[in-house]
Amino acid sequence: MYSSDAGIEAASLSALEALLRTIYPSETAPPAGLAETIINQSLEALKEPEKNNAPGSAKALAAMIRANRKPALNSYSKLTCAAKTGAYALSRALPQLFRQFDQPTLPSHREPILNYIVTFLVVARSVYAAPDTKRNQAAERSLEPFRNGLMDVLREGLRTNGLKVPAIKGSVALAEIPGFLGKQEVEDIVHSMDDMLINEKDPEVR
């Protein structure tokens, strides 16, 4: 999963998704064993966000989020186990990344940290907003415990030079997850983006 070859990396991530669906097919199997090992190793790599292994580790966690597209039911306890595993991966990864973003070892680490958070949001959008999806955020609530942390990180990114591009991508992804953001949260994002369109001089941001 850490190959410099994009084709090999994509094939490895696809294989990981298939493996997770095979190992955790039922709601009785807990997100333990291989899943726990992958999460622990990935989180350890993300503690050094600038190192070569970190992007691949974030993609491995993203593959866990994306692994299962079966119907989401009305309570977390009845989710398919692969969906539980993705939610568990988020519950472990996001708090760590929020802490690292708030208190980075080096200021330059904030950009890759935000990029990893955005990776999870883009994958969550692909799961919950795809035209043929049978999963929904309202039922799984995998992002709900992290609503305030996500909004805080994105707001900070939208007003910080060097972080605006990933913050825009993350904000758009979050806004496109059906039913997740409230009216005031959407208005806050729109206001920040309007301000950038008027005042931002960086063509990449605009």
N, C-alpha and C. Protein backbone atom coordinates (compact mmCIF):
# COMPACT_ATOMS: atom_id res chain seq x y z
N MET A 1 0.81 -1.21 0.00
CA MET A 1 0.00 0.00 0.00
C MET A 1 0.84 1.26 0.00
N TYR A 2 2.15 1.10 0.19
CA TYR A 2 3.02 2.25 0.24
C TYR A 2 3.87 2.35 -1.02
N SER A 3 3.45 1.71 -2.11
CA SER A 3 4.22 1.71 -3.34
C SER A 3 4.22 3.10 -3.98
N SER A 4 5.34 3.43 -4.61
CA SER A 4 5.41 4.69 -5.35
C SER A 4 4.70 4.58 -6.69
N ASP A 5 4.35 3.37 -7.10
CA ASP A 5 3.62 3.14 -8.34
C ASP A 5 2.13 3.28 -8.07
N ALA A 6 1.49 4.22 -8.75
CA ALA A 6 0.08 4.51 -8.48
C ALA A 6 -0.80 3.31 -8.79
N GLY A 7 -0.47 2.57 -9.85
CA GLY A 7 -1.28 1.42 -10.21
C GLY A 7 -1.21 0.32 -9.17
N ILE A 8 -0.01 0.07 -8.67
CA ILE A 8 0.16 -0.95 -7.63
C ILE A 8 -0.55 -0.52 -6.35
N GLU A 9 -0.43 0.76 -6.00
CA GLU A 9 -1.10 1.25 -4.80
C GLU A 9 -2.61 1.09 -4.91
N ALA A 10 -3.18 1.46 -6.06
CA ALA A 10 -4.63 1.35 -6.25
C ALA A 10 -5.09 -0.11 -6.15
N ALA A 11 -4.30 -1.01 -6.75
CA ALA A 11 -4.66 -2.43 -6.68
C ALA A 11 -4.58 -2.95 -5.25
N SER A 12 -3.59 -2.49 -4.51
CA SER A 12 -3.44 -2.92 -3.11
C SER A 12 -4.60 -2.44 -2.26
N LEU A 13 -5.02 -1.20 -2.47
CA LEU A 13 -6.15 -0.66 -1.70
C LEU A 13 -7.44 -1.39 -2.05
N SER A 14 -7.62 -1.69 -3.33
CA SER A 14 -8.81 -2.44 -3.76
C SER A 14 -8.81 -3.83 -3.13
N ALA A 15 -7.64 -4.45 -3.08
CA ALA A 15 -7.53 -5.77 -2.46
C ALA A 15 -7.84 -5.71 -0.97
N LEU A 16 -7.39 -4.63 -0.31
CA LEU A 16 -7.68 -4.46 1.11
C LEU A 16 -9.18 -4.34 1.35
N GLU A 17 -9.87 -3.56 0.51
CA GLU A 17 -11.32 -3.43 0.66
C GLU A 17 -12.00 -4.79 0.52
N ALA A 18 -11.58 -5.56 -0.50
CA ALA A 18 -12.18 -6.88 -0.71
C ALA A 18 -11.88 -7.81 0.46
N LEU A 19 -10.66 -7.73 0.98
CA LEU A 19 -10.28 -8.57 2.12
C LEU A 19 -11.13 -8.25 3.35
N LEU A 20 -11.35 -6.96 3.60
CA LEU A 20 -12.17 -6.56 4.75
C LEU A 20 -13.60 -7.06 4.61
N ARG A 21 -14.14 -7.01 3.40
CA ARG A 21 -15.50 -7.52 3.18
C ARG A 21 -15.57 -9.02 3.42
N THR A 22 -14.45 -9.72 3.13
CA THR A 22 -14.42 -11.18 3.30
C THR A 22 -14.25 -11.56 4.77
N ILE A 23 -13.32 -10.88 5.45
CA ILE A 23 -13.01 -11.23 6.83
C ILE A 23 -14.12 -10.81 7.78
N TYR A 24 -14.76 -9.66 7.49
CA TYR A 24 -15.79 -9.12 8.37
C TYR A 24 -17.13 -9.08 7.65
N PRO A 25 -17.71 -10.26 7.30
CA PRO A 25 -18.94 -10.27 6.51
C PRO A 25 -20.20 -10.10 7.33
N SER A 26 -20.13 -10.34 8.63
CA SER A 26 -21.36 -10.38 9.43
C SER A 26 -21.31 -9.36 10.55
N GLU A 27 -22.48 -9.08 11.11
CA GLU A 27 -22.55 -8.11 12.19
C GLU A 27 -22.06 -8.67 13.52
N THR A 28 -21.73 -9.97 13.56
CA THR A 28 -21.25 -10.55 14.81
C THR A 28 -19.74 -10.47 14.96
N ALA A 29 -19.04 -10.33 13.83
CA ALA A 29 -17.58 -10.25 13.89
C ALA A 29 -17.15 -8.85 14.31
N PRO A 30 -16.40 -8.72 15.40
CA PRO A 30 -15.99 -7.39 15.86
C PRO A 30 -14.88 -6.82 15.00
N PRO A 31 -14.74 -5.50 14.96
CA PRO A 31 -13.63 -4.90 14.21
C PRO A 31 -12.32 -5.06 14.96
N ALA A 32 -11.81 -6.27 14.94
CA ALA A 32 -10.57 -6.59 15.67
C ALA A 32 -9.64 -7.32 14.73
N GLY A 33 -8.61 -7.96 15.27
CA GLY A 33 -7.72 -8.74 14.45
C GLY A 33 -6.98 -7.89 13.44
N LEU A 34 -7.08 -8.25 12.15
CA LEU A 34 -6.37 -7.55 11.09
C LEU A 34 -6.75 -6.07 11.05
N ALA A 35 -8.04 -5.78 11.18
CA ALA A 35 -8.48 -4.38 11.14
C ALA A 35 -7.80 -3.55 12.23
N GLU A 36 -7.75 -4.09 13.43
CA GLU A 36 -7.12 -3.37 14.54
C GLU A 36 -5.63 -3.16 14.25
N THR A 37 -4.97 -4.16 13.69
CA THR A 37 -3.55 -4.05 13.38
C THR A 37 -3.31 -2.96 12.34
N ILE A 38 -4.14 -2.95 11.28
CA ILE A 38 -3.99 -1.93 10.23
C ILE A 38 -4.20 -0.54 10.80
N ILE A 39 -5.23 -0.39 11.64
CA ILE A 39 -5.51 0.92 12.23
C ILE A 39 -4.35 1.37 13.10
N ASN A 40 -3.86 0.50 13.95
CA ASN A 40 -2.77 0.87 14.85
C ASN A 40 -1.51 1.26 14.08
N GLN A 41 -1.17 0.48 13.08
CA GLN A 41 0.03 0.78 12.29
C GLN A 41 -0.14 2.07 11.50
N SER A 42 -1.33 2.28 10.98
CA SER A 42 -1.58 3.50 10.20
C SER A 42 -1.51 4.73 11.09
N LEU A 43 -2.10 4.66 12.27
CA LEU A 43 -2.08 5.81 13.18
C LEU A 43 -0.66 6.11 13.64
N GLU A 44 0.13 5.07 13.83
CA GLU A 44 1.54 5.29 14.21
C GLU A 44 2.27 6.03 13.09
N ALA A 45 2.02 5.63 11.84
CA ALA A 45 2.66 6.31 10.71
C ALA A 45 2.21 7.76 10.59
N LEU A 46 0.94 8.02 10.89
CA LEU A 46 0.40 9.39 10.78
C LEU A 46 0.96 10.33 11.85
N LYS A 47 1.60 9.78 12.87
CA LYS A 47 2.24 10.65 13.87
C LYS A 47 3.42 11.42 13.27
N GLU A 48 3.90 10.95 12.14
CA GLU A 48 4.95 11.65 11.40
C GLU A 48 4.38 12.00 10.03
N PRO A 49 3.52 13.02 9.97
CA PRO A 49 2.71 13.27 8.77
C PRO A 49 3.50 13.63 7.52
N GLU A 50 4.75 14.04 7.70
CA GLU A 50 5.56 14.43 6.56
C GLU A 50 6.32 13.27 5.94
N LYS A 51 6.34 12.11 6.61
CA LYS A 51 7.11 10.97 6.13
C LYS A 51 6.38 10.26 4.98
N ASN A 52 7.13 9.47 4.22
CA ASN A 52 6.60 8.84 3.01
C ASN A 52 5.47 7.86 3.29
N ASN A 53 5.49 7.21 4.46
CA ASN A 53 4.47 6.21 4.76
C ASN A 53 3.12 6.81 5.14
N ALA A 54 3.11 8.07 5.52
CA ALA A 54 1.88 8.66 6.04
C ALA A 54 0.75 8.72 5.01
N PRO A 55 0.99 9.18 3.76
CA PRO A 55 -0.12 9.21 2.81
C PRO A 55 -0.72 7.83 2.55
N GLY A 56 0.13 6.80 2.43
CA GLY A 56 -0.39 5.46 2.23
C GLY A 56 -1.19 4.97 3.41
N SER A 57 -0.79 5.36 4.61
CA SER A 57 -1.52 4.96 5.81
C SER A 57 -2.90 5.61 5.84
N ALA A 58 -2.97 6.88 5.44
CA ALA A 58 -4.28 7.54 5.37
C ALA A 58 -5.17 6.86 4.34
N LYS A 59 -4.60 6.45 3.22
CA LYS A 59 -5.38 5.76 2.19
C LYS A 59 -5.85 4.39 2.67
N ALA A 60 -5.03 3.73 3.48
CA ALA A 60 -5.45 2.43 4.02
C ALA A 60 -6.65 2.60 4.94
N LEU A 61 -6.63 3.63 5.77
CA LEU A 61 -7.78 3.91 6.64
C LEU A 61 -9.00 4.29 5.80
N ALA A 62 -8.76 5.05 4.74
CA ALA A 62 -9.86 5.43 3.85
C ALA A 62 -10.48 4.20 3.21
N ALA A 63 -9.66 3.22 2.85
CA ALA A 63 -10.18 1.99 2.26
C ALA A 63 -11.09 1.25 3.24
N MET A 64 -10.78 1.35 4.53
CA MET A 64 -11.62 0.71 5.54
C MET A 64 -12.99 1.40 5.61
N ILE A 65 -13.00 2.71 5.43
CA ILE A 65 -14.26 3.46 5.45
C ILE A 65 -15.12 3.07 4.25
N ARG A 66 -14.47 2.84 3.13
CA ARG A 66 -15.18 2.60 1.86
C ARG A 66 -15.52 1.13 1.65
N ALA A 67 -15.07 0.24 2.53
CA ALA A 67 -15.06 -1.19 2.23
C ALA A 67 -16.43 -1.81 2.02
N ASN A 68 -17.47 -1.27 2.62
CA ASN A 68 -18.75 -1.95 2.57
C ASN A 68 -19.85 -1.01 2.10
N ARG A 69 -20.63 -1.44 1.12
CA ARG A 69 -21.72 -0.61 0.60
C ARG A 69 -23.08 -1.24 0.81
N LYS A 70 -23.18 -2.16 1.77
CA LYS A 70 -24.48 -2.77 2.07
C LYS A 70 -25.37 -1.76 2.76
N PRO A 71 -26.68 -2.03 2.85
CA PRO A 71 -27.59 -1.07 3.47
C PRO A 71 -27.22 -0.77 4.91
N ALA A 72 -27.29 0.51 5.27
CA ALA A 72 -27.11 0.91 6.66
C ALA A 72 -28.46 0.82 7.36
N LEU A 73 -28.49 0.23 8.55
CA LEU A 73 -29.74 0.06 9.27
C LEU A 73 -29.92 1.16 10.29
N ASN A 74 -30.94 1.05 11.12
CA ASN A 74 -31.34 2.17 11.96
C ASN A 74 -30.57 2.31 13.25
N SER A 75 -29.72 1.35 13.58
CA SER A 75 -28.92 1.52 14.77
C SER A 75 -27.51 1.03 14.50
N TYR A 76 -26.55 1.66 15.19
CA TYR A 76 -25.15 1.32 14.97
C TYR A 76 -24.90 -0.16 15.23
N SER A 77 -25.60 -0.73 16.23
CA SER A 77 -25.35 -2.12 16.60
C SER A 77 -25.74 -3.08 15.49
N LYS A 78 -26.59 -2.64 14.55
CA LYS A 78 -27.04 -3.52 13.48
C LYS A 78 -26.32 -3.25 12.15
N LEU A 79 -25.34 -2.37 12.16
CA LEU A 79 -24.58 -2.14 10.94
C LEU A 79 -23.82 -3.40 10.57
N THR A 80 -23.56 -3.61 9.27
CA THR A 80 -22.65 -4.66 8.88
C THR A 80 -21.30 -4.38 9.51
N CYS A 81 -20.53 -5.42 9.73
CA CYS A 81 -19.29 -5.24 10.49
C CYS A 81 -18.27 -4.41 9.72
N ALA A 82 -18.24 -4.54 8.38
CA ALA A 82 -17.30 -3.72 7.62
C ALA A 82 -17.63 -2.24 7.78
N ALA A 83 -18.93 -1.91 7.82
CA ALA A 83 -19.31 -0.52 8.07
C ALA A 83 -18.90 -0.09 9.47
N LYS A 84 -19.06 -0.99 10.45
CA LYS A 84 -18.60 -0.70 11.81
C LYS A 84 -17.09 -0.46 11.83
N THR A 85 -16.36 -1.26 11.05
CA THR A 85 -14.92 -1.13 11.01
C THR A 85 -14.52 0.23 10.48
N GLY A 86 -15.20 0.70 9.45
CA GLY A 86 -14.92 2.04 8.93
C GLY A 86 -15.22 3.12 9.95
N ALA A 87 -16.33 2.98 10.64
CA ALA A 87 -16.67 3.96 11.68
C ALA A 87 -15.65 3.93 12.81
N TYR A 88 -15.20 2.73 13.14
CA TYR A 88 -14.19 2.60 14.20
C TYR A 88 -12.87 3.23 13.76
N ALA A 89 -12.50 3.04 12.49
CA ALA A 89 -11.28 3.66 11.98
C ALA A 89 -11.37 5.19 12.10
N LEU A 90 -12.51 5.75 11.75
CA LEU A 90 -12.70 7.21 11.90
C LEU A 90 -12.61 7.62 13.36
N SER A 91 -13.20 6.82 14.25
CA SER A 91 -13.22 7.19 15.67
C SER A 91 -11.83 7.18 16.27
N ARG A 92 -10.92 6.41 15.68
CA ARG A 92 -9.54 6.40 16.16
C ARG A 92 -8.69 7.47 15.47
N ALA A 93 -8.92 7.65 14.18
CA ALA A 93 -8.04 8.53 13.40
C ALA A 93 -8.33 10.02 13.60
N LEU A 94 -9.60 10.39 13.56
CA LEU A 94 -9.91 11.83 13.59
C LEU A 94 -9.47 12.51 14.89
N PRO A 95 -9.73 11.95 16.08
CA PRO A 95 -9.25 12.63 17.29
C PRO A 95 -7.74 12.82 17.30
N GLN A 96 -6.99 11.82 16.84
CA GLN A 96 -5.54 11.96 16.80
C GLN A 96 -5.12 13.08 15.85
N LEU A 97 -5.74 13.12 14.67
CA LEU A 97 -5.38 14.14 13.70
C LEU A 97 -5.80 15.54 14.16
N PHE A 98 -6.92 15.64 14.86
CA PHE A 98 -7.31 16.94 15.41
C PHE A 98 -6.26 17.44 16.40
N ARG A 99 -5.79 16.55 17.27
CA ARG A 99 -4.76 16.95 18.24
C ARG A 99 -3.47 17.37 17.54
N GLN A 100 -3.08 16.61 16.53
CA GLN A 100 -1.87 16.95 15.80
C GLN A 100 -2.01 18.28 15.06
N PHE A 101 -3.19 18.55 14.53
CA PHE A 101 -3.43 19.80 13.82
C PHE A 101 -3.38 20.98 14.79
N ASP A 102 -3.97 20.81 15.96
CA ASP A 102 -4.00 21.90 16.94
C ASP A 102 -2.63 22.17 17.54
N GLN A 103 -1.84 21.11 17.72
CA GLN A 103 -0.52 21.25 18.33
C GLN A 103 0.51 20.50 17.49
N PRO A 104 0.81 21.00 16.29
CA PRO A 104 1.74 20.28 15.41
C PRO A 104 3.17 20.33 15.94
N THR A 105 3.91 19.27 15.68
CA THR A 105 5.33 19.26 16.04
C THR A 105 6.06 20.38 15.32
N LEU A 106 5.72 20.58 14.05
CA LEU A 106 6.24 21.68 13.25
C LEU A 106 5.06 22.36 12.54
N PRO A 107 5.09 23.67 12.37
CA PRO A 107 3.98 24.34 11.67
C PRO A 107 3.71 23.76 10.28
N SER A 108 4.76 23.31 9.61
CA SER A 108 4.60 22.77 8.26
C SER A 108 3.82 21.46 8.24
N HIS A 109 3.63 20.82 9.38
CA HIS A 109 2.89 19.56 9.44
C HIS A 109 1.39 19.76 9.30
N ARG A 110 0.92 20.97 9.49
CA ARG A 110 -0.54 21.18 9.48
C ARG A 110 -1.14 20.90 8.09
N GLU A 111 -0.40 21.22 7.05
CA GLU A 111 -0.94 20.98 5.71
C GLU A 111 -1.14 19.50 5.43
N PRO A 112 -0.13 18.63 5.62
CA PRO A 112 -0.41 17.21 5.37
C PRO A 112 -1.46 16.63 6.31
N ILE A 113 -1.48 17.10 7.55
CA ILE A 113 -2.50 16.60 8.50
C ILE A 113 -3.90 16.94 7.98
N LEU A 114 -4.08 18.18 7.54
CA LEU A 114 -5.38 18.57 7.00
C LEU A 114 -5.71 17.77 5.74
N ASN A 115 -4.70 17.51 4.92
CA ASN A 115 -4.93 16.70 3.73
C ASN A 115 -5.42 15.30 4.08
N TYR A 116 -4.92 14.72 5.16
CA TYR A 116 -5.37 13.38 5.55
C TYR A 116 -6.81 13.43 6.05
N ILE A 117 -7.15 14.46 6.81
CA ILE A 117 -8.54 14.62 7.24
C ILE A 117 -9.46 14.75 6.03
N VAL A 118 -9.03 15.54 5.06
CA VAL A 118 -9.83 15.74 3.85
C VAL A 118 -9.97 14.43 3.06
N THR A 119 -8.93 13.60 3.06
CA THR A 119 -9.01 12.29 2.41
C THR A 119 -10.19 11.50 2.96
N PHE A 120 -10.37 11.52 4.29
CA PHE A 120 -11.48 10.79 4.90
C PHE A 120 -12.83 11.40 4.52
N LEU A 121 -12.89 12.72 4.43
CA LEU A 121 -14.15 13.38 4.07
C LEU A 121 -14.54 13.08 2.63
N VAL A 122 -13.56 13.08 1.74
CA VAL A 122 -13.84 12.77 0.33
C VAL A 122 -14.33 11.33 0.19
N VAL A 123 -13.72 10.41 0.94
CA VAL A 123 -14.16 9.02 0.90
C VAL A 123 -15.56 8.88 1.51
N ALA A 124 -15.80 9.59 2.61
CA ALA A 124 -17.14 9.54 3.22
C ALA A 124 -18.19 10.04 2.23
N ARG A 125 -17.86 11.09 1.49
CA ARG A 125 -18.80 11.58 0.47
C ARG A 125 -19.05 10.50 -0.58
N SER A 126 -17.99 9.78 -1.00
CA SER A 126 -18.16 8.74 -2.02
C SER A 126 -19.04 7.60 -1.51
N VAL A 127 -19.04 7.39 -0.20
CA VAL A 127 -19.86 6.33 0.39
C VAL A 127 -21.30 6.78 0.54
N TYR A 128 -21.50 7.98 1.06
CA TYR A 128 -22.85 8.41 1.44
C TYR A 128 -23.59 9.21 0.36
N ALA A 129 -22.87 9.72 -0.64
CA ALA A 129 -23.52 10.58 -1.64
C ALA A 129 -23.52 9.97 -3.03
N ALA A 130 -22.99 8.76 -3.20
CA ALA A 130 -22.99 8.13 -4.52
C ALA A 130 -24.42 7.85 -4.96
N PRO A 131 -24.70 7.98 -6.25
CA PRO A 131 -26.09 7.78 -6.74
C PRO A 131 -26.66 6.42 -6.38
N ASP A 132 -25.82 5.38 -6.34
CA ASP A 132 -26.32 4.03 -6.09
C ASP A 132 -26.09 3.56 -4.66
N THR A 133 -25.74 4.47 -3.75
CA THR A 133 -25.38 4.05 -2.40
C THR A 133 -26.57 3.51 -1.62
N LYS A 134 -26.30 2.56 -0.75
CA LYS A 134 -27.31 2.04 0.16
C LYS A 134 -26.95 2.36 1.61
N ARG A 135 -25.98 3.26 1.77
CA ARG A 135 -25.55 3.68 3.11
C ARG A 135 -25.89 5.16 3.29
N ASN A 136 -26.13 5.55 4.54
CA ASN A 136 -26.38 6.96 4.78
C ASN A 136 -25.83 7.37 6.13
N GLN A 137 -25.38 8.60 6.19
CA GLN A 137 -24.74 9.12 7.38
C GLN A 137 -25.71 9.22 8.56
N ALA A 138 -26.96 9.52 8.27
CA ALA A 138 -27.94 9.66 9.34
C ALA A 138 -28.09 8.38 10.14
N ALA A 139 -27.97 7.23 9.45
CA ALA A 139 -28.10 5.94 10.13
C ALA A 139 -26.79 5.52 10.79
N GLU A 140 -25.69 5.69 10.07
CA GLU A 140 -24.41 5.21 10.60
C GLU A 140 -23.80 6.17 11.62
N ARG A 141 -23.98 7.49 11.41
CA ARG A 141 -23.50 8.52 12.33
C ARG A 141 -21.98 8.41 12.58
N SER A 142 -21.25 7.99 11.58
CA SER A 142 -19.82 7.80 11.76
C SER A 142 -19.07 9.13 11.91
N LEU A 143 -19.61 10.20 11.34
CA LEU A 143 -18.98 11.52 11.43
C LEU A 143 -19.58 12.39 12.53
N GLU A 144 -20.76 12.05 12.99
CA GLU A 144 -21.48 12.91 13.93
C GLU A 144 -20.68 13.25 15.19
N PRO A 145 -19.98 12.30 15.82
CA PRO A 145 -19.23 12.65 17.04
C PRO A 145 -18.12 13.67 16.80
N PHE A 146 -17.76 13.88 15.53
CA PHE A 146 -16.63 14.74 15.19
C PHE A 146 -17.05 16.00 14.46
N ARG A 147 -18.34 16.30 14.52
CA ARG A 147 -18.88 17.47 13.82
C ARG A 147 -18.13 18.74 14.21
N ASN A 148 -18.02 19.01 15.51
CA ASN A 148 -17.39 20.26 15.95
C ASN A 148 -15.91 20.30 15.58
N GLY A 149 -15.22 19.17 15.75
CA GLY A 149 -13.81 19.13 15.40
C GLY A 149 -13.59 19.36 13.91
N LEU A 150 -14.42 18.76 13.08
CA LEU A 150 -14.30 18.95 11.64
C LEU A 150 -14.55 20.40 11.25
N MET A 151 -15.59 20.98 11.81
CA MET A 151 -15.89 22.38 11.48
C MET A 151 -14.77 23.31 11.95
N ASP A 152 -14.21 23.05 13.12
CA ASP A 152 -13.12 23.90 13.63
C ASP A 152 -11.89 23.82 12.72
N VAL A 153 -11.52 22.61 12.33
CA VAL A 153 -10.35 22.43 11.47
C VAL A 153 -10.57 23.09 10.11
N LEU A 154 -11.75 22.91 9.54
CA LEU A 154 -12.01 23.49 8.23
C LEU A 154 -12.08 25.02 8.29
N ARG A 155 -12.69 25.56 9.33
CA ARG A 155 -12.71 27.02 9.47
C ARG A 155 -11.30 27.59 9.57
N GLU A 156 -10.47 26.92 10.38
CA GLU A 156 -9.09 27.37 10.52
C GLU A 156 -8.36 27.29 9.18
N GLY A 157 -8.59 26.20 8.45
CA GLY A 157 -7.95 26.05 7.15
C GLY A 157 -8.38 27.10 6.16
N LEU A 158 -9.66 27.46 6.17
CA LEU A 158 -10.18 28.42 5.20
C LEU A 158 -9.62 29.83 5.40
N ARG A 159 -9.08 30.11 6.58
CA ARG A 159 -8.54 31.45 6.81
C ARG A 159 -7.02 31.46 6.99
N THR A 160 -6.37 30.33 6.69
CA THR A 160 -4.93 30.23 6.89
C THR A 160 -4.22 29.99 5.56
N ASN A 161 -3.26 30.84 5.24
CA ASN A 161 -2.49 30.66 4.02
C ASN A 161 -1.78 29.31 4.03
N GLY A 162 -1.80 28.64 2.91
CA GLY A 162 -1.19 27.33 2.80
C GLY A 162 -2.14 26.19 3.12
N LEU A 163 -3.28 26.50 3.73
CA LEU A 163 -4.24 25.47 4.10
C LEU A 163 -5.58 25.64 3.36
N LYS A 164 -5.70 26.71 2.60
CA LYS A 164 -7.01 27.04 2.03
C LYS A 164 -7.47 26.03 0.98
N VAL A 165 -6.56 25.56 0.14
CA VAL A 165 -6.98 24.62 -0.91
C VAL A 165 -7.53 23.32 -0.32
N PRO A 166 -6.80 22.64 0.58
CA PRO A 166 -7.40 21.42 1.16
C PRO A 166 -8.65 21.71 1.98
N ALA A 167 -8.70 22.88 2.64
CA ALA A 167 -9.89 23.21 3.43
C ALA A 167 -11.11 23.39 2.53
N ILE A 168 -10.90 23.97 1.36
CA ILE A 168 -12.00 24.11 0.40
C ILE A 168 -12.50 22.74 -0.03
N LYS A 169 -11.56 21.86 -0.38
CA LYS A 169 -11.94 20.50 -0.81
C LYS A 169 -12.71 19.78 0.29
N GLY A 170 -12.22 19.90 1.52
CA GLY A 170 -12.89 19.24 2.63
C GLY A 170 -14.26 19.82 2.91
N SER A 171 -14.38 21.13 2.82
CA SER A 171 -15.67 21.79 3.07
C SER A 171 -16.70 21.38 2.04
N VAL A 172 -16.29 21.33 0.78
CA VAL A 172 -17.21 20.91 -0.29
C VAL A 172 -17.63 19.46 -0.08
N ALA A 173 -16.66 18.60 0.25
CA ALA A 173 -16.99 17.19 0.48
C ALA A 173 -17.99 17.04 1.62
N LEU A 174 -17.76 17.75 2.72
CA LEU A 174 -18.65 17.66 3.87
C LEU A 174 -20.04 18.18 3.54
N ALA A 175 -20.09 19.27 2.77
CA ALA A 175 -21.38 19.86 2.40
C ALA A 175 -22.18 18.94 1.48
N GLU A 176 -21.49 18.07 0.75
CA GLU A 176 -22.17 17.20 -0.20
C GLU A 176 -22.58 15.85 0.39
N ILE A 177 -22.30 15.64 1.68
CA ILE A 177 -22.81 14.44 2.36
C ILE A 177 -24.25 14.71 2.76
N PRO A 178 -25.21 14.01 2.20
CA PRO A 178 -26.62 14.35 2.39
C PRO A 178 -27.02 14.44 3.86
N GLY A 179 -27.61 15.59 4.20
CA GLY A 179 -28.20 15.78 5.51
C GLY A 179 -27.25 15.97 6.67
N PHE A 180 -25.96 16.08 6.41
CA PHE A 180 -25.03 16.16 7.54
C PHE A 180 -24.94 17.58 8.11
N LEU A 181 -24.64 18.54 7.29
CA LEU A 181 -24.48 19.91 7.78
C LEU A 181 -25.81 20.60 7.99
N GLY A 182 -25.90 21.40 9.05
CA GLY A 182 -27.07 22.22 9.29
C GLY A 182 -27.00 23.51 8.50
N LYS A 183 -28.09 24.27 8.50
CA LYS A 183 -28.17 25.50 7.73
C LYS A 183 -27.08 26.48 8.12
N GLN A 184 -26.86 26.67 9.43
CA GLN A 184 -25.87 27.64 9.89
C GLN A 184 -24.45 27.21 9.49
N GLU A 185 -24.18 25.93 9.55
CA GLU A 185 -22.86 25.44 9.17
C GLU A 185 -22.60 25.66 7.69
N VAL A 186 -23.61 25.42 6.87
CA VAL A 186 -23.46 25.67 5.43
C VAL A 186 -23.24 27.16 5.18
N GLU A 187 -23.99 28.00 5.88
CA GLU A 187 -23.84 29.45 5.70
C GLU A 187 -22.44 29.91 6.11
N ASP A 188 -21.90 29.33 7.16
CA ASP A 188 -20.54 29.69 7.59
C ASP A 188 -19.52 29.35 6.50
N ILE A 189 -19.66 28.19 5.90
CA ILE A 189 -18.74 27.77 4.85
C ILE A 189 -18.89 28.68 3.63
N VAL A 190 -20.12 28.94 3.24
CA VAL A 190 -20.36 29.79 2.08
C VAL A 190 -19.80 31.19 2.31
N HIS A 191 -19.98 31.73 3.52
CA HIS A 191 -19.45 33.06 3.83
C HIS A 191 -17.93 33.07 3.71
N SER A 192 -17.27 32.06 4.22
CA SER A 192 -15.80 31.99 4.15
C SER A 192 -15.33 31.91 2.71
N MET A 193 -16.03 31.13 1.90
CA MET A 193 -15.63 31.01 0.50
C MET A 193 -15.92 32.29 -0.28
N ASP A 194 -17.04 32.94 0.01
CA ASP A 194 -17.33 34.23 -0.62
C ASP A 194 -16.24 35.24 -0.32
N ASP A 195 -15.79 35.25 0.93
CA ASP A 195 -14.74 36.17 1.33
C ASP A 195 -13.45 35.89 0.56
N MET A 196 -13.14 34.62 0.35
CA MET A 196 -11.94 34.28 -0.41
C MET A 196 -12.06 34.70 -1.86
N LEU A 197 -13.24 34.52 -2.46
CA LEU A 197 -13.43 34.91 -3.85
C LEU A 197 -13.22 36.41 -4.04
N ILE A 198 -13.58 37.18 -3.03
CA ILE A 198 -13.44 38.63 -3.12
C ILE A 198 -12.01 39.08 -2.84
N ASN A 199 -11.38 38.48 -1.81
CA ASN A 199 -10.11 39.01 -1.31
C ASN A 199 -8.88 38.18 -1.63
N GLU A 200 -9.07 36.90 -2.00
CA GLU A 200 -7.92 36.02 -2.19
C GLU A 200 -7.17 36.35 -3.47
N LYS A 201 -5.87 36.44 -3.40
CA LYS A 201 -5.04 36.76 -4.56
C LYS A 201 -4.37 35.53 -5.15
N ASP A 202 -4.35 34.41 -4.41
CA ASP A 202 -3.73 33.19 -4.90
C ASP A 202 -4.63 32.56 -5.95
N PRO A 203 -4.17 32.45 -7.22
CA PRO A 203 -5.04 31.90 -8.27
C PRO A 203 -5.43 30.45 -8.02
N GLU A 204 -4.57 29.67 -7.33
CA GLU A 204 -4.91 28.28 -7.05
C GLU A 204 -6.11 28.18 -6.13
N VAL A 205 -6.18 29.10 -5.15
CA VAL A 205 -7.30 29.12 -4.22
C VAL A 205 -8.56 29.59 -4.93
N ARG A 206 -8.46 30.60 -5.75
CA ARG A 206 -9.62 31.14 -6.43
C ARG A 206 -10.13 30.19 -7.52
